[in-house]
């Protein structure tokens, strides 16, 4: 029932770690606060029909990168965290290692 989420604010916690040979080299936790807009059962039913089964393969079932943006009135936090991977901190960590090469870098 939409009353369970409509108008509510919740926190999404996302974490990533880099490990090598059973040793954690780096870990990071990120949080985002998402406020659902007030919407009707009719809107939610329509949204779920259009989104289809693919919604189950999405972090939080949001699909924030497409139709899911219509679910929210406010978002506080990093976009990549909401997608499921705090990408910018991970890339910052990886750049510390000479073995890591930015895929599009020219030598």
PDB file of N, CA and C in Angstrom:
ATOM      1  N   UNK A   1       0.853  -1.188   0.000  1.00  0.00           N
ATOM      2  CA  UNK A   1       0.000   0.000   0.000  1.00  0.00           C
ATOM      3  C   UNK A   1       0.883   1.229   0.000  1.00  0.00           C
ATOM      4  N   UNK A   2       0.519   2.216  -0.787  1.00  0.00           N
ATOM      5  CA  UNK A   2       1.381   3.394  -0.943  1.00  0.00           C
ATOM      6  C   UNK A   2       1.549   4.178   0.343  1.00  0.00           C
ATOM      7  N   UNK A   3       0.626   4.064   1.264  1.00  0.00           N
ATOM      8  CA  UNK A   3       0.719   4.830   2.515  1.00  0.00           C
ATOM      9  C   UNK A   3       1.978   4.467   3.294  1.00  0.00           C
ATOM     10  N   UNK A   4       2.555   3.315   3.011  1.00  0.00           N
ATOM     11  CA  UNK A   4       3.761   2.894   3.723  1.00  0.00           C
ATOM     12  C   UNK A   4       4.990   3.691   3.308  1.00  0.00           C
ATOM     13  N   UNK A   5       4.989   4.235   2.107  1.00  0.00           N
ATOM     14  CA  UNK A   5       6.171   4.968   1.638  1.00  0.00           C
ATOM     15  C   UNK A   5       5.877   6.396   1.192  1.00  0.00           C
ATOM     16  N   UNK A   6       4.685   6.671   0.771  1.00  0.00           N
ATOM     17  CA  UNK A   6       4.334   7.990   0.260  1.00  0.00           C
ATOM     18  C   UNK A   6       4.559   9.064   1.317  1.00  0.00           C
ATOM     19  N   UNK A   7       5.380  10.062   0.966  1.00  0.00           N
ATOM     20  CA  UNK A   7       5.663  11.167   1.869  1.00  0.00           C
ATOM     21  C   UNK A   7       6.729  10.888   2.910  1.00  0.00           C
ATOM     22  N   UNK A   8       7.219   9.678   2.972  1.00  0.00           N
ATOM     23  CA  UNK A   8       8.218   9.310   3.981  1.00  0.00           C
ATOM     24  C   UNK A   8       9.635   9.655   3.535  1.00  0.00           C
ATOM     25  N   UNK A   9      10.487   9.916   4.528  1.00  0.00           N
ATOM     26  CA  UNK A   9      11.915  10.076   4.292  1.00  0.00           C
ATOM     27  C   UNK A   9      12.608   8.849   4.855  1.00  0.00           C
ATOM     28  N   UNK A  10      13.526   8.314   4.088  1.00  0.00           N
ATOM     29  CA  UNK A  10      14.284   7.156   4.564  1.00  0.00           C
ATOM     30  C   UNK A  10      15.753   7.330   4.191  1.00  0.00           C
ATOM     31  N   UNK A  11      16.571   6.508   4.805  1.00  0.00           N
ATOM     32  CA  UNK A  11      18.007   6.585   4.582  1.00  0.00           C
ATOM     33  C   UNK A  11      18.471   5.341   3.841  1.00  0.00           C
ATOM     34  N   UNK A  12      19.260   5.561   2.817  1.00  0.00           N
ATOM     35  CA  UNK A  12      19.864   4.480   2.056  1.00  0.00           C
ATOM     36  C   UNK A  12      21.329   4.409   2.456  1.00  0.00           C
ATOM     37  N   UNK A  13      21.770   3.241   2.873  1.00  0.00           N
ATOM     38  CA  UNK A  13      23.166   3.036   3.260  1.00  0.00           C
ATOM     39  C   UNK A  13      23.813   2.148   2.205  1.00  0.00           C
ATOM     40  N   UNK A  14      24.948   2.580   1.719  1.00  0.00           N
ATOM     41  CA  UNK A  14      25.654   1.861   0.670  1.00  0.00           C
ATOM     42  C   UNK A  14      27.115   1.735   1.099  1.00  0.00           C
ATOM     43  N   UNK A  15      27.709   0.590   0.855  1.00  0.00           N
ATOM     44  CA  UNK A  15      29.097   0.387   1.264  1.00  0.00           C
ATOM     45  C   UNK A  15      29.871  -0.326   0.165  1.00  0.00           C
ATOM     46  N   UNK A  16      31.166  -0.102   0.175  1.00  0.00           N
ATOM     47  CA  UNK A  16      32.056  -0.765  -0.774  1.00  0.00           C
ATOM     48  C   UNK A  16      33.366  -1.043  -0.050  1.00  0.00           C
ATOM     49  N   UNK A  17      34.020  -2.126  -0.430  1.00  0.00           N
ATOM     50  CA  UNK A  17      35.355  -2.380   0.110  1.00  0.00           C
ATOM     51  C   UNK A  17      36.224  -2.960  -0.990  1.00  0.00           C
ATOM     52  N   UNK A  18      37.515  -2.778  -0.831  1.00  0.00           N
ATOM     53  CA  UNK A  18      38.496  -3.357  -1.735  1.00  0.00           C
ATOM     54  C   UNK A  18      39.326  -4.307  -0.896  1.00  0.00           C
ATOM     55  N   UNK A  19      39.418  -5.546  -1.350  1.00  0.00           N
ATOM     56  CA  UNK A  19      40.161  -6.559  -0.605  1.00  0.00           C
ATOM     57  C   UNK A  19      41.125  -7.268  -1.547  1.00  0.00           C
ATOM     58  N   UNK A  20      42.216  -7.724  -0.977  1.00  0.00           N
ATOM     59  CA  UNK A  20      43.207  -8.484  -1.727  1.00  0.00           C
ATOM     60  C   UNK A  20      43.741  -9.576  -0.811  1.00  0.00           C
ATOM     61  N   UNK A  21      43.685 -10.803  -1.247  1.00  0.00           N
ATOM     62  CA  UNK A  21      44.180 -11.944  -0.479  1.00  0.00           C
ATOM     63  C   UNK A  21      43.625 -11.945   0.941  1.00  0.00           C
ATOM     64  N   UNK A  22      42.325 -11.806   1.047  1.00  0.00           N
ATOM     65  CA  UNK A  22      41.599 -11.837   2.321  1.00  0.00           C
ATOM     66  C   UNK A  22      41.914 -10.674   3.260  1.00  0.00           C
ATOM     67  N   UNK A  23      42.545  -9.644   2.767  1.00  0.00           N
ATOM     68  CA  UNK A  23      42.810  -8.445   3.566  1.00  0.00           C
ATOM     69  C   UNK A  23      42.007  -7.276   2.997  1.00  0.00           C
ATOM     70  N   UNK A  24      41.255  -6.623   3.857  1.00  0.00           N
ATOM     71  CA  UNK A  24      40.513  -5.441   3.427  1.00  0.00           C
ATOM     72  C   UNK A  24      41.489  -4.272   3.372  1.00  0.00           C
ATOM     73  N   UNK A  25      41.697  -3.730   2.187  1.00  0.00           N
ATOM     74  CA  UNK A  25      42.613  -2.610   1.999  1.00  0.00           C
ATOM     75  C   UNK A  25      41.929  -1.269   2.235  1.00  0.00           C
ATOM     76  N   UNK A  26      40.630  -1.240   1.968  1.00  0.00           N
ATOM     77  CA  UNK A  26      39.899   0.020   2.050  1.00  0.00           C
ATOM     78  C   UNK A  26      38.419  -0.285   2.110  1.00  0.00           C
ATOM     79  N   UNK A  27      37.713   0.499   2.891  1.00  0.00           N
ATOM     80  CA  UNK A  27      36.252   0.367   2.916  1.00  0.00           C
ATOM     81  C   UNK A  27      35.642   1.753   3.076  1.00  0.00           C
ATOM     82  N   UNK A  28      34.415   1.865   2.632  1.00  0.00           N
ATOM     83  CA  UNK A  28      33.748   3.165   2.654  1.00  0.00           C
ATOM     84  C   UNK A  28      32.250   2.944   2.783  1.00  0.00           C
ATOM     85  N   UNK A  29      31.623   3.769   3.600  1.00  0.00           N
ATOM     86  CA  UNK A  29      30.171   3.732   3.767  1.00  0.00           C
ATOM     87  C   UNK A  29      29.615   5.104   3.433  1.00  0.00           C
ATOM     88  N   UNK A  30      28.550   5.115   2.669  1.00  0.00           N
ATOM     89  CA  UNK A  30      27.905   6.375   2.295  1.00  0.00           C
ATOM     90  C   UNK A  30      26.417   6.278   2.601  1.00  0.00           C
ATOM     91  N   UNK A  31      25.829   7.416   2.890  1.00  0.00           N
ATOM     92  CA  UNK A  31      24.399   7.475   3.201  1.00  0.00           C
ATOM     93  C   UNK A  31      23.740   8.560   2.369  1.00  0.00           C
ATOM     94  N   UNK A  32      22.516   8.288   1.993  1.00  0.00           N
ATOM     95  CA  UNK A  32      21.700   9.279   1.286  1.00  0.00           C
ATOM     96  C   UNK A  32      20.323   9.294   1.939  1.00  0.00           C
ATOM     97  N   UNK A  33      19.724  10.470   1.991  1.00  0.00           N
ATOM     98  CA  UNK A  33      18.358  10.611   2.528  1.00  0.00           C
ATOM     99  C   UNK A  33      17.428  10.925   1.367  1.00  0.00           C
ATOM    100  N   UNK A  34      16.389  10.124   1.263  1.00  0.00           N
ATOM    101  CA  UNK A  34      15.454  10.252   0.156  1.00  0.00           C
ATOM    102  C   UNK A  34      14.055  10.474   0.706  1.00  0.00           C
ATOM    103  N   UNK A  35      13.389  11.490   0.200  1.00  0.00           N
ATOM    104  CA  UNK A  35      12.014  11.771   0.613  1.00  0.00           C
ATOM    105  C   UNK A  35      11.092  11.465  -0.558  1.00  0.00           C
ATOM    106  N   UNK A  36      10.195  10.529  -0.323  1.00  0.00           N
ATOM    107  CA  UNK A  36       9.201  10.174  -1.334  1.00  0.00           C
ATOM    108  C   UNK A  36       8.156  11.283  -1.377  1.00  0.00           C
ATOM    109  N   UNK A  37       7.708  11.616  -2.549  1.00  0.00           N
ATOM    110  CA  UNK A  37       6.629  12.591  -2.650  1.00  0.00           C
ATOM    111  C   UNK A  37       5.310  11.895  -2.305  1.00  0.00           C
ATOM    112  N   UNK A  38       4.313  12.666  -1.997  1.00  0.00           N
ATOM    113  CA  UNK A  38       2.980  12.105  -1.769  1.00  0.00           C
ATOM    114  C   UNK A  38       2.408  11.678  -3.117  1.00  0.00           C
ATOM    115  N   UNK A  39       2.014  10.435  -3.211  1.00  0.00           N
ATOM    116  CA  UNK A  39       1.408   9.953  -4.451  1.00  0.00           C
ATOM    117  C   UNK A  39       0.274   8.985  -4.145  1.00  0.00           C
ATOM    118  N   UNK A  40      -0.555   8.792  -5.132  1.00  0.00           N
ATOM    119  CA  UNK A  40      -1.754   7.962  -4.977  1.00  0.00           C
ATOM    120  C   UNK A  40      -1.457   6.499  -5.303  1.00  0.00           C
ATOM    121  N   UNK A  41      -2.364   5.632  -4.898  1.00  0.00           N
ATOM    122  CA  UNK A  41      -2.266   4.220  -5.273  1.00  0.00           C
ATOM    123  C   UNK A  41      -2.282   4.086  -6.797  1.00  0.00           C
ATOM    124  N   UNK A  42      -3.079   4.900  -7.446  1.00  0.00           N
ATOM    125  CA  UNK A  42      -3.184   4.853  -8.904  1.00  0.00           C
ATOM    126  C   UNK A  42      -1.836   5.175  -9.552  1.00  0.00           C
ATOM    127  N   UNK A  43      -1.172   6.231  -9.064  1.00  0.00           N
ATOM    128  CA  UNK A  43       0.149   6.578  -9.590  1.00  0.00           C
ATOM    129  C   UNK A  43       1.115   5.421  -9.387  1.00  0.00           C
ATOM    130  N   UNK A  44       1.156   4.868  -8.181  1.00  0.00           N
ATOM    131  CA  UNK A  44       2.098   3.794  -7.876  1.00  0.00           C
ATOM    132  C   UNK A  44       1.826   2.561  -8.734  1.00  0.00           C
ATOM    133  N   UNK A  45       0.586   2.187  -8.895  1.00  0.00           N
ATOM    134  CA  UNK A  45       0.245   1.045  -9.750  1.00  0.00           C
ATOM    135  C   UNK A  45       0.719   1.282 -11.183  1.00  0.00           C
ATOM    136  N   UNK A  46       0.495   2.485 -11.686  1.00  0.00           N
ATOM    137  CA  UNK A  46       0.925   2.835 -13.044  1.00  0.00           C
ATOM    138  C   UNK A  46       2.454   2.793 -13.148  1.00  0.00           C
ATOM    139  N   UNK A  47       3.118   3.365 -12.165  1.00  0.00           N
ATOM    140  CA  UNK A  47       4.586   3.365 -12.144  1.00  0.00           C
ATOM    141  C   UNK A  47       5.124   1.938 -12.161  1.00  0.00           C
ATOM    142  N   UNK A  48       4.591   1.073 -11.309  1.00  0.00           N
ATOM    143  CA  UNK A  48       5.066  -0.309 -11.227  1.00  0.00           C
ATOM    144  C   UNK A  48       4.799  -1.075 -12.516  1.00  0.00           C
ATOM    145  N   UNK A  49       3.688  -0.797 -13.157  1.00  0.00           N
ATOM    146  CA  UNK A  49       3.374  -1.443 -14.434  1.00  0.00           C
ATOM    147  C   UNK A  49       4.386  -1.037 -15.501  1.00  0.00           C
ATOM    148  N   UNK A  50       4.666   0.245 -15.584  1.00  0.00           N
ATOM    149  CA  UNK A  50       5.620   0.738 -16.584  1.00  0.00           C
ATOM    150  C   UNK A  50       7.035   0.256 -16.272  1.00  0.00           C
ATOM    151  N   UNK A  51       7.434   0.292 -15.012  1.00  0.00           N
ATOM    152  CA  UNK A  51       8.789  -0.105 -14.619  1.00  0.00           C
ATOM    153  C   UNK A  51       9.020  -1.593 -14.869  1.00  0.00           C
ATOM    154  N   UNK A  52       8.004  -2.404 -14.685  1.00  0.00           N
ATOM    155  CA  UNK A  52       8.125  -3.835 -14.949  1.00  0.00           C
ATOM    156  C   UNK A  52       9.017  -4.558 -13.958  1.00  0.00           C
ATOM    157  N   UNK A  53       9.377  -5.776 -14.329  1.00  0.00           N
ATOM    158  CA  UNK A  53      10.173  -6.627 -13.442  1.00  0.00           C
ATOM    159  C   UNK A  53      11.583  -6.103 -13.227  1.00  0.00           C
ATOM    160  N   UNK A  54      12.074  -5.285 -14.141  1.00  0.00           N
ATOM    161  CA  UNK A  54      13.418  -4.736 -14.009  1.00  0.00           C
ATOM    162  C   UNK A  54      13.618  -3.935 -12.737  1.00  0.00           C
ATOM    163  N   UNK A  55      12.539  -3.493 -12.158  1.00  0.00           N
ATOM    164  CA  UNK A  55      12.627  -2.707 -10.927  1.00  0.00           C
ATOM    165  C   UNK A  55      13.270  -3.514  -9.797  1.00  0.00           C
ATOM    166  N   UNK A  56      13.114  -4.828  -9.846  1.00  0.00           N
ATOM    167  CA  UNK A  56      13.679  -5.691  -8.799  1.00  0.00           C
ATOM    168  C   UNK A  56      15.196  -5.813  -8.907  1.00  0.00           C
ATOM    169  N   UNK A  57      15.766  -5.399 -10.016  1.00  0.00           N
ATOM    170  CA  UNK A  57      17.211  -5.454 -10.201  1.00  0.00           C
ATOM    171  C   UNK A  57      17.871  -4.122  -9.869  1.00  0.00           C
ATOM    172  N   UNK A  58      17.124  -3.216  -9.284  1.00  0.00           N
ATOM    173  CA  UNK A  58      17.602  -1.871  -9.001  1.00  0.00           C
ATOM    174  C   UNK A  58      17.735  -1.668  -7.493  1.00  0.00           C
ATOM    175  N   UNK A  59      18.785  -0.957  -7.078  1.00  0.00           N
ATOM    176  CA  UNK A  59      18.988  -0.666  -5.661  1.00  0.00           C
ATOM    177  C   UNK A  59      17.762   0.038  -5.110  1.00  0.00           C
ATOM    178  N   UNK A  60      17.172  -0.533  -4.088  1.00  0.00           N
ATOM    179  CA  UNK A  60      15.991   0.052  -3.471  1.00  0.00           C
ATOM    180  C   UNK A  60      14.767   0.046  -4.365  1.00  0.00           C
ATOM    181  N   UNK A  61      14.893  -0.585  -5.535  1.00  0.00           N
ATOM    182  CA  UNK A  61      13.827  -0.617  -6.544  1.00  0.00           C
ATOM    183  C   UNK A  61      13.433   0.789  -6.989  1.00  0.00           C
ATOM    184  N   UNK A  62      14.374   1.725  -6.948  1.00  0.00           N
ATOM    185  CA  UNK A  62      14.080   3.114  -7.290  1.00  0.00           C
ATOM    186  C   UNK A  62      14.144   3.387  -8.782  1.00  0.00           C
ATOM    187  N   UNK A  63      15.159   2.877  -9.435  1.00  0.00           N
ATOM    188  CA  UNK A  63      15.471   3.260 -10.817  1.00  0.00           C
ATOM    189  C   UNK A  63      15.540   4.784 -10.928  1.00  0.00           C
ATOM    190  N   UNK A  64      16.298   5.368 -10.004  1.00  0.00           N
ATOM    191  CA  UNK A  64      16.408   6.824  -9.909  1.00  0.00           C
ATOM    192  C   UNK A  64      16.937   7.446 -11.208  1.00  0.00           C
ATOM    193  N   UNK A  65      17.683   6.663 -11.978  1.00  0.00           N
ATOM    194  CA  UNK A  65      18.251   7.165 -13.221  1.00  0.00           C
ATOM    195  C   UNK A  65      17.218   7.268 -14.343  1.00  0.00           C
ATOM    196  N   UNK A  66      16.014   6.798 -14.099  1.00  0.00           N
ATOM    197  CA  UNK A  66      14.974   6.905 -15.126  1.00  0.00           C
ATOM    198  C   UNK A  66      13.637   7.274 -14.475  1.00  0.00           C
ATOM    199  N   UNK A  67      12.672   6.400 -14.557  1.00  0.00           N
ATOM    200  CA  UNK A  67      11.336   6.700 -14.028  1.00  0.00           C
ATOM    201  C   UNK A  67      11.321   6.986 -12.530  1.00  0.00           C
ATOM    202  N   UNK A  68      12.242   6.407 -11.801  1.00  0.00           N
ATOM    203  CA  UNK A  68      12.251   6.535 -10.348  1.00  0.00           C
ATOM    204  C   UNK A  68      12.358   7.956  -9.843  1.00  0.00           C
ATOM    205  N   UNK A  69      12.867   8.850 -10.654  1.00  0.00           N
ATOM    206  CA  UNK A  69      12.962  10.252 -10.241  1.00  0.00           C
ATOM    207  C   UNK A  69      11.583  10.820  -9.904  1.00  0.00           C
ATOM    208  N   UNK A  70      10.542  10.258 -10.502  1.00  0.00           N
ATOM    209  CA  UNK A  70       9.174  10.725 -10.240  1.00  0.00           C
ATOM    210  C   UNK A  70       8.680  10.360  -8.842  1.00  0.00           C
ATOM    211  N   UNK A  71       9.389   9.486  -8.150  1.00  0.00           N
ATOM    212  CA  UNK A  71       8.959   9.043  -6.821  1.00  0.00           C
ATOM    213  C   UNK A  71       9.329  10.030  -5.718  1.00  0.00           C
ATOM    214  N   UNK A  72      10.279  10.924  -5.969  1.00  0.00           N
ATOM    215  CA  UNK A  72      10.888  11.701  -4.899  1.00  0.00           C
ATOM    216  C   UNK A  72      10.600  13.195  -4.981  1.00  0.00           C
ATOM    217  N   UNK A  73      10.506  13.800  -3.803  1.00  0.00           N
ATOM    218  CA  UNK A  73      10.391  15.257  -3.722  1.00  0.00           C
ATOM    219  C   UNK A  73      11.707  15.882  -3.277  1.00  0.00           C
ATOM    220  N   UNK A  74      12.584  15.084  -2.636  1.00  0.00           N
ATOM    221  CA  UNK A  74      13.868  15.605  -2.168  1.00  0.00           C
ATOM    222  C   UNK A  74      14.858  14.461  -2.050  1.00  0.00           C
ATOM    223  N   UNK A  75      16.097  14.739  -2.441  1.00  0.00           N
ATOM    224  CA  UNK A  75      17.178  13.763  -2.312  1.00  0.00           C
ATOM    225  C   UNK A  75      18.391  14.495  -1.770  1.00  0.00           C
ATOM    226  N   UNK A  76      18.972  13.964  -0.705  1.00  0.00           N
ATOM    227  CA  UNK A  76      20.191  14.519  -0.125  1.00  0.00           C
ATOM    228  C   UNK A  76      21.227  13.410  -0.106  1.00  0.00           C
ATOM    229  N   UNK A  77      22.295  13.630  -0.839  1.00  0.00           N
ATOM    230  CA  UNK A  77      23.342  12.618  -0.891  1.00  0.00           C
ATOM    231  C   UNK A  77      23.852  12.441  -2.307  1.00  0.00           C
ATOM    232  N   UNK A  78      24.822  11.592  -2.423  1.00  0.00           N
ATOM    233  CA  UNK A  78      25.518  11.365  -3.673  1.00  0.00           C
ATOM    234  C   UNK A  78      24.696  10.498  -4.628  1.00  0.00           C
ATOM    235  N   UNK A  79      24.617  10.920  -5.862  1.00  0.00           N
ATOM    236  CA  UNK A  79      23.868  10.205  -6.898  1.00  0.00           C
ATOM    237  C   UNK A  79      24.350   8.762  -7.044  1.00  0.00           C
ATOM    238  N   UNK A  80      25.663   8.558  -7.063  1.00  0.00           N
ATOM    239  CA  UNK A  80      26.205   7.216  -7.246  1.00  0.00           C
ATOM    240  C   UNK A  80      25.885   6.308  -6.064  1.00  0.00           C
ATOM    241  N   UNK A  81      25.796   6.877  -4.878  1.00  0.00           N
ATOM    242  CA  UNK A  81      25.388   6.102  -3.709  1.00  0.00           C
ATOM    243  C   UNK A  81      23.980   5.566  -3.914  1.00  0.00           C
ATOM    244  N   UNK A  82      23.111   6.397  -4.433  1.00  0.00           N
ATOM    245  CA  UNK A  82      21.732   5.977  -4.670  1.00  0.00           C
ATOM    246  C   UNK A  82      21.676   4.905  -5.759  1.00  0.00           C
ATOM    247  N   UNK A  83      22.593   4.966  -6.709  1.00  0.00           N
ATOM    248  CA  UNK A  83      22.652   3.929  -7.739  1.00  0.00           C
ATOM    249  C   UNK A  83      23.199   2.614  -7.190  1.00  0.00           C
ATOM    250  N   UNK A  84      23.869   2.657  -6.041  1.00  0.00           N
ATOM    251  CA  UNK A  84      24.330   1.421  -5.419  1.00  0.00           C
ATOM    252  C   UNK A  84      25.825   1.271  -5.254  1.00  0.00           C
ATOM    253  N   UNK A  85      26.608   2.288  -5.641  1.00  0.00           N
ATOM    254  CA  UNK A  85      28.055   2.205  -5.489  1.00  0.00           C
ATOM    255  C   UNK A  85      28.616   3.607  -5.300  1.00  0.00           C
ATOM    256  N   UNK A  86      29.228   3.886  -4.140  1.00  0.00           N
ATOM    257  CA  UNK A  86      29.848   5.206  -3.946  1.00  0.00           C
ATOM    258  C   UNK A  86      31.093   5.322  -4.834  1.00  0.00           C
ATOM    259  N   UNK A  87      30.859   5.616  -6.094  1.00  0.00           N
ATOM    260  CA  UNK A  87      31.878   5.533  -7.130  1.00  0.00           C
ATOM    261  C   UNK A  87      33.027   6.520  -6.966  1.00  0.00           C
ATOM    262  N   UNK A  88      32.748   7.772  -6.651  1.00  0.00           N
ATOM    263  CA  UNK A  88      33.824   8.769  -6.582  1.00  0.00           C
ATOM    264  C   UNK A  88      34.846   8.451  -5.492  1.00  0.00           C
ATOM    265  N   UNK A  89      34.448   8.085  -4.271  1.00  0.00           N
ATOM    266  CA  UNK A  89      35.443   7.684  -3.274  1.00  0.00           C
ATOM    267  C   UNK A  89      36.225   6.436  -3.700  1.00  0.00           C
ATOM    268  N   UNK A  90      35.565   5.497  -4.367  1.00  0.00           N
ATOM    269  CA  UNK A  90      36.258   4.296  -4.843  1.00  0.00           C
ATOM    270  C   UNK A  90      37.313   4.658  -5.877  1.00  0.00           C
ATOM    271  N   UNK A  91      36.965   5.488  -6.830  1.00  0.00           N
ATOM    272  CA  UNK A  91      37.940   5.903  -7.840  1.00  0.00           C
ATOM    273  C   UNK A  91      39.103   6.658  -7.218  1.00  0.00           C
ATOM    274  N   UNK A  92      38.823   7.482  -6.233  1.00  0.00           N
ATOM    275  CA  UNK A  92      39.881   8.213  -5.532  1.00  0.00           C
ATOM    276  C   UNK A  92      40.855   7.241  -4.876  1.00  0.00           C
ATOM    277  N   UNK A  93      40.331   6.197  -4.264  1.00  0.00           N
ATOM    278  CA  UNK A  93      41.195   5.179  -3.655  1.00  0.00           C
ATOM    279  C   UNK A  93      42.031   4.479  -4.727  1.00  0.00           C
ATOM    280  N   UNK A  94      41.404   4.065  -5.801  1.00  0.00           N
ATOM    281  CA  UNK A  94      42.110   3.307  -6.837  1.00  0.00           C
ATOM    282  C   UNK A  94      43.230   4.109  -7.481  1.00  0.00           C
ATOM    283  N   UNK A  95      43.073   5.404  -7.575  1.00  0.00           N
ATOM    284  CA  UNK A  95      44.103   6.247  -8.203  1.00  0.00           C
ATOM    285  C   UNK A  95      45.411   6.277  -7.412  1.00  0.00           C
ATOM    286  N   UNK A  96      45.400   5.807  -6.195  1.00  0.00           N
ATOM    287  CA  UNK A  96      46.618   5.770  -5.382  1.00  0.00           C
ATOM    288  C   UNK A  96      47.580   4.682  -5.854  1.00  0.00           C
ATOM    289  N   UNK A  97      47.095   3.765  -6.672  1.00  0.00           N
ATOM    290  CA  UNK A  97      47.890   2.617  -7.083  1.00  0.00           C
ATOM    291  C   UNK A  97      48.354   2.778  -8.523  1.00  0.00           C
ATOM    292  N   UNK A  98      49.673   2.652  -8.745  1.00  0.00           N
ATOM    293  CA  UNK A  98      50.203   2.820 -10.099  1.00  0.00           C
ATOM    294  C   UNK A  98      49.615   1.809 -11.090  1.00  0.00           C
ATOM    295  N   UNK A  99      49.192   0.641 -10.603  1.00  0.00           N
ATOM    296  CA  UNK A  99      48.630  -0.384 -11.483  1.00  0.00           C
ATOM    297  C   UNK A  99      47.290   0.047 -12.064  1.00  0.00           C
ATOM    298  N   UNK A 100      46.623   0.949 -11.339  1.00  0.00           N
ATOM    299  CA  UNK A 100      45.308   1.393 -11.796  1.00  0.00           C
ATOM    300  C   UNK A 100      45.497   2.435 -12.877  1.00  0.00           C
ATOM    301  N   UNK A 101      44.888   2.192 -14.001  1.00  0.00           N
ATOM    302  CA  UNK A 101      44.984   3.152 -15.091  1.00  0.00           C
ATOM    303  C   UNK A 101      43.578   3.576 -15.489  1.00  0.00           C
ATOM    304  N   UNK A 102      43.370   4.861 -15.558  1.00  0.00           N
ATOM    305  CA  UNK A 102      42.071   5.366 -15.993  1.00  0.00           C
ATOM    306  C   UNK A 102      41.843   4.840 -17.410  1.00  0.00           C
ATOM    307  N   UNK A 103      40.706   4.193 -17.662  1.00  0.00           N
ATOM    308  CA  UNK A 103      40.480   3.527 -18.951  1.00  0.00           C
ATOM    309  C   UNK A 103      40.674   4.405 -20.184  1.00  0.00           C
ATOM    310  N   UNK A 104      40.427   5.698 -20.090  1.00  0.00           N
ATOM    311  CA  UNK A 104      40.531   6.553 -21.273  1.00  0.00           C
ATOM    312  C   UNK A 104      41.813   7.378 -21.297  1.00  0.00           C
ATOM    313  N   UNK A 105      42.731   7.119 -20.363  1.00  0.00           N
ATOM    314  CA  UNK A 105      43.966   7.910 -20.274  1.00  0.00           C
ATOM    315  C   UNK A 105      44.875   7.642 -21.478  1.00  0.00           C
ATOM    316  N   UNK A 106      45.505   8.698 -21.958  1.00  0.00           N
ATOM    317  CA  UNK A 106      46.470   8.585 -23.048  1.00  0.00           C
ATOM    318  C   UNK A 106      47.868   8.609 -22.453  1.00  0.00           C
ATOM    319  N   UNK A 107      48.739   7.782 -22.983  1.00  0.00           N
ATOM    320  CA  UNK A 107      50.124   7.768 -22.495  1.00  0.00           C
ATOM    321  C   UNK A 107      50.994   8.596 -23.392  1.00  0.00           C
TER     322      UNK A 107
END
